[in-house]
């Protein structure tokens, strides 16, 4: 039986991931070798925090409820 995560816990995970990624993405930008050459030009629909939160949620044993 998969572990149930309530909505409040999911929000807590998102906030924690988002708080971590803000300074980490700045660090990666500072350490980048290229000066913006070859980077993607279109913006993704989901931010990195949302993607990682979904990965953590899926990793807890929940089936993927991502249907179009």
N, C-alpha and C. Protein backbone atom coordinates (compact mmCIF):
# COMPACT_ATOMS: atom_id res chain seq x y z
N UNK A 1 0.84 -1.17 0.00
CA UNK A 1 0.00 0.00 0.00
C UNK A 1 0.89 1.24 0.00
N UNK A 2 0.72 2.14 -0.97
CA UNK A 2 1.56 3.32 -1.04
C UNK A 2 1.28 4.29 0.11
N UNK A 3 2.32 5.00 0.49
CA UNK A 3 2.22 6.01 1.53
C UNK A 3 1.37 7.17 1.02
N UNK A 4 0.40 7.58 1.80
CA UNK A 4 -0.47 8.68 1.39
C UNK A 4 0.15 10.01 1.81
N UNK A 5 0.23 10.95 0.86
CA UNK A 5 0.74 12.29 1.14
C UNK A 5 -0.43 13.25 1.01
N UNK A 6 -0.67 13.99 2.07
CA UNK A 6 -1.76 14.96 2.02
C UNK A 6 -1.30 16.21 1.26
N UNK A 7 -2.24 17.04 0.90
CA UNK A 7 -1.95 18.24 0.12
C UNK A 7 -0.98 19.16 0.87
N UNK A 8 -1.13 19.27 2.18
CA UNK A 8 -0.24 20.14 2.98
C UNK A 8 1.20 19.64 2.92
N UNK A 9 1.41 18.34 2.96
CA UNK A 9 2.76 17.78 2.88
C UNK A 9 3.36 18.01 1.49
N UNK A 10 2.55 17.91 0.46
CA UNK A 10 3.01 18.16 -0.90
C UNK A 10 3.44 19.62 -1.06
N UNK A 11 2.70 20.54 -0.46
CA UNK A 11 3.07 21.95 -0.50
C UNK A 11 4.37 22.18 0.27
N UNK A 12 4.53 21.50 1.39
CA UNK A 12 5.76 21.61 2.18
C UNK A 12 6.97 21.12 1.39
N UNK A 13 6.81 20.03 0.67
CA UNK A 13 7.89 19.51 -0.18
C UNK A 13 8.24 20.52 -1.27
N UNK A 14 7.21 21.12 -1.89
CA UNK A 14 7.46 22.10 -2.95
C UNK A 14 8.22 23.30 -2.41
N UNK A 15 7.82 23.82 -1.25
CA UNK A 15 8.48 24.99 -0.67
C UNK A 15 9.94 24.67 -0.34
N UNK A 16 10.19 23.50 0.21
CA UNK A 16 11.57 23.10 0.54
C UNK A 16 12.42 22.99 -0.72
N UNK A 17 11.89 22.35 -1.75
CA UNK A 17 12.62 22.22 -3.01
C UNK A 17 12.86 23.58 -3.64
N UNK A 18 11.85 24.45 -3.62
CA UNK A 18 11.98 25.78 -4.22
C UNK A 18 13.01 26.62 -3.47
N UNK A 19 13.01 26.55 -2.13
CA UNK A 19 14.00 27.28 -1.34
C UNK A 19 15.41 26.80 -1.62
N UNK A 20 15.58 25.52 -1.89
CA UNK A 20 16.90 24.98 -2.22
C UNK A 20 17.34 25.39 -3.62
N UNK A 21 16.42 25.34 -4.58
CA UNK A 21 16.80 25.56 -5.98
C UNK A 21 17.12 27.00 -6.32
N UNK A 22 16.54 27.96 -5.63
CA UNK A 22 16.82 29.37 -5.96
C UNK A 22 18.30 29.69 -5.85
N UNK A 23 18.97 29.45 -4.72
CA UNK A 23 20.42 29.74 -4.68
C UNK A 23 21.24 28.74 -5.50
N UNK A 24 20.76 27.50 -5.63
CA UNK A 24 21.51 26.51 -6.39
C UNK A 24 21.56 26.86 -7.88
N UNK A 25 20.44 27.35 -8.43
CA UNK A 25 20.43 27.76 -9.84
C UNK A 25 21.32 28.98 -10.07
N UNK A 26 21.40 29.89 -9.09
CA UNK A 26 22.31 31.03 -9.20
C UNK A 26 23.75 30.54 -9.20
N UNK A 27 24.06 29.56 -8.37
CA UNK A 27 25.39 28.98 -8.32
C UNK A 27 25.74 28.33 -9.66
N UNK A 28 24.82 27.59 -10.23
CA UNK A 28 25.07 26.95 -11.52
C UNK A 28 25.27 27.99 -12.63
N UNK A 29 24.54 29.09 -12.58
CA UNK A 29 24.70 30.14 -13.56
C UNK A 29 26.08 30.78 -13.46
N UNK A 30 26.56 30.98 -12.24
CA UNK A 30 27.88 31.56 -12.04
C UNK A 30 28.98 30.62 -12.51
N UNK A 31 28.78 29.33 -12.39
CA UNK A 31 29.79 28.34 -12.74
C UNK A 31 29.72 27.88 -14.18
N UNK A 32 28.77 28.38 -14.94
CA UNK A 32 28.59 27.94 -16.33
C UNK A 32 29.79 28.36 -17.17
N UNK A 33 30.21 27.48 -18.05
CA UNK A 33 31.35 27.76 -18.92
C UNK A 33 30.95 28.61 -20.12
N UNK A 34 29.78 28.38 -20.66
CA UNK A 34 29.33 29.11 -21.85
C UNK A 34 28.71 30.44 -21.43
N UNK A 35 28.79 31.41 -22.29
CA UNK A 35 28.20 32.72 -22.04
C UNK A 35 26.80 32.80 -22.64
N UNK A 36 25.99 31.80 -22.40
CA UNK A 36 24.64 31.78 -22.93
C UNK A 36 24.55 31.18 -24.32
N UNK A 37 25.65 30.69 -24.85
CA UNK A 37 25.63 30.10 -26.18
C UNK A 37 25.09 28.69 -26.12
N UNK A 38 24.21 28.37 -27.00
CA UNK A 38 23.69 27.01 -27.09
C UNK A 38 22.63 26.69 -26.05
N UNK A 39 22.15 27.69 -25.33
CA UNK A 39 21.11 27.44 -24.35
C UNK A 39 19.75 27.41 -25.03
N UNK A 40 18.78 26.68 -24.48
CA UNK A 40 17.46 26.63 -25.08
C UNK A 40 16.82 28.02 -25.12
N UNK A 41 16.05 28.29 -26.16
CA UNK A 41 15.45 29.61 -26.30
C UNK A 41 14.01 29.65 -25.81
N UNK A 42 13.31 28.55 -25.79
CA UNK A 42 11.93 28.60 -25.31
C UNK A 42 11.87 28.23 -23.83
N UNK A 43 10.90 28.78 -23.14
CA UNK A 43 10.74 28.58 -21.71
C UNK A 43 9.91 27.32 -21.46
N UNK A 44 10.30 26.51 -20.48
CA UNK A 44 9.50 25.33 -20.15
C UNK A 44 8.19 25.74 -19.47
N UNK A 45 7.20 24.86 -19.54
CA UNK A 45 5.91 25.16 -18.92
C UNK A 45 5.95 24.98 -17.40
N UNK A 46 6.80 24.07 -16.93
CA UNK A 46 6.95 23.84 -15.49
C UNK A 46 8.33 24.32 -15.05
N UNK A 47 8.39 24.91 -13.87
CA UNK A 47 9.69 25.32 -13.35
C UNK A 47 10.39 24.09 -12.74
N UNK A 48 11.66 24.23 -12.48
CA UNK A 48 12.45 23.12 -11.93
C UNK A 48 11.88 22.63 -10.60
N UNK A 49 11.42 23.55 -9.78
CA UNK A 49 10.86 23.17 -8.48
C UNK A 49 9.64 22.27 -8.63
N UNK A 50 8.79 22.58 -9.60
CA UNK A 50 7.60 21.77 -9.82
C UNK A 50 7.96 20.38 -10.32
N UNK A 51 8.94 20.29 -11.21
CA UNK A 51 9.36 19.00 -11.74
C UNK A 51 9.95 18.13 -10.64
N UNK A 52 10.83 18.70 -9.83
CA UNK A 52 11.45 17.93 -8.75
C UNK A 52 10.43 17.51 -7.71
N UNK A 53 9.46 18.39 -7.41
CA UNK A 53 8.40 18.02 -6.47
C UNK A 53 7.60 16.84 -7.00
N UNK A 54 7.28 16.83 -8.28
CA UNK A 54 6.57 15.70 -8.88
C UNK A 54 7.41 14.42 -8.82
N UNK A 55 8.73 14.54 -9.01
CA UNK A 55 9.60 13.36 -8.91
C UNK A 55 9.62 12.81 -7.50
N UNK A 56 9.68 13.69 -6.50
CA UNK A 56 9.65 13.25 -5.11
C UNK A 56 8.32 12.58 -4.80
N UNK A 57 7.23 13.19 -5.25
CA UNK A 57 5.89 12.63 -5.04
C UNK A 57 5.77 11.25 -5.68
N UNK A 58 6.25 11.14 -6.92
CA UNK A 58 6.19 9.85 -7.62
C UNK A 58 7.09 8.83 -6.93
N UNK A 59 8.22 9.29 -6.40
CA UNK A 59 9.16 8.39 -5.72
C UNK A 59 8.66 7.83 -4.42
N UNK A 60 7.60 8.40 -3.87
CA UNK A 60 7.04 7.88 -2.62
C UNK A 60 6.12 6.69 -2.85
N UNK A 61 5.95 6.30 -4.11
CA UNK A 61 5.17 5.10 -4.39
C UNK A 61 3.82 5.37 -5.01
N UNK A 62 3.54 6.61 -5.34
CA UNK A 62 2.26 6.93 -5.97
C UNK A 62 2.29 6.59 -7.44
N UNK A 63 1.20 6.06 -7.96
CA UNK A 63 1.14 5.85 -9.40
C UNK A 63 1.06 7.20 -10.11
N UNK A 64 1.47 7.23 -11.34
CA UNK A 64 1.47 8.49 -12.09
C UNK A 64 0.06 8.86 -12.52
N UNK A 65 -0.52 9.89 -11.89
CA UNK A 65 -1.88 10.32 -12.27
C UNK A 65 -1.86 11.41 -13.35
N UNK A 66 -0.91 11.31 -14.26
CA UNK A 66 -0.72 12.35 -15.27
C UNK A 66 -1.37 11.92 -16.57
N UNK A 67 -2.64 12.20 -16.69
CA UNK A 67 -3.37 11.85 -17.91
C UNK A 67 -3.84 13.13 -18.58
N UNK A 68 -3.78 13.15 -19.88
CA UNK A 68 -4.22 14.32 -20.63
C UNK A 68 -5.64 14.17 -21.07
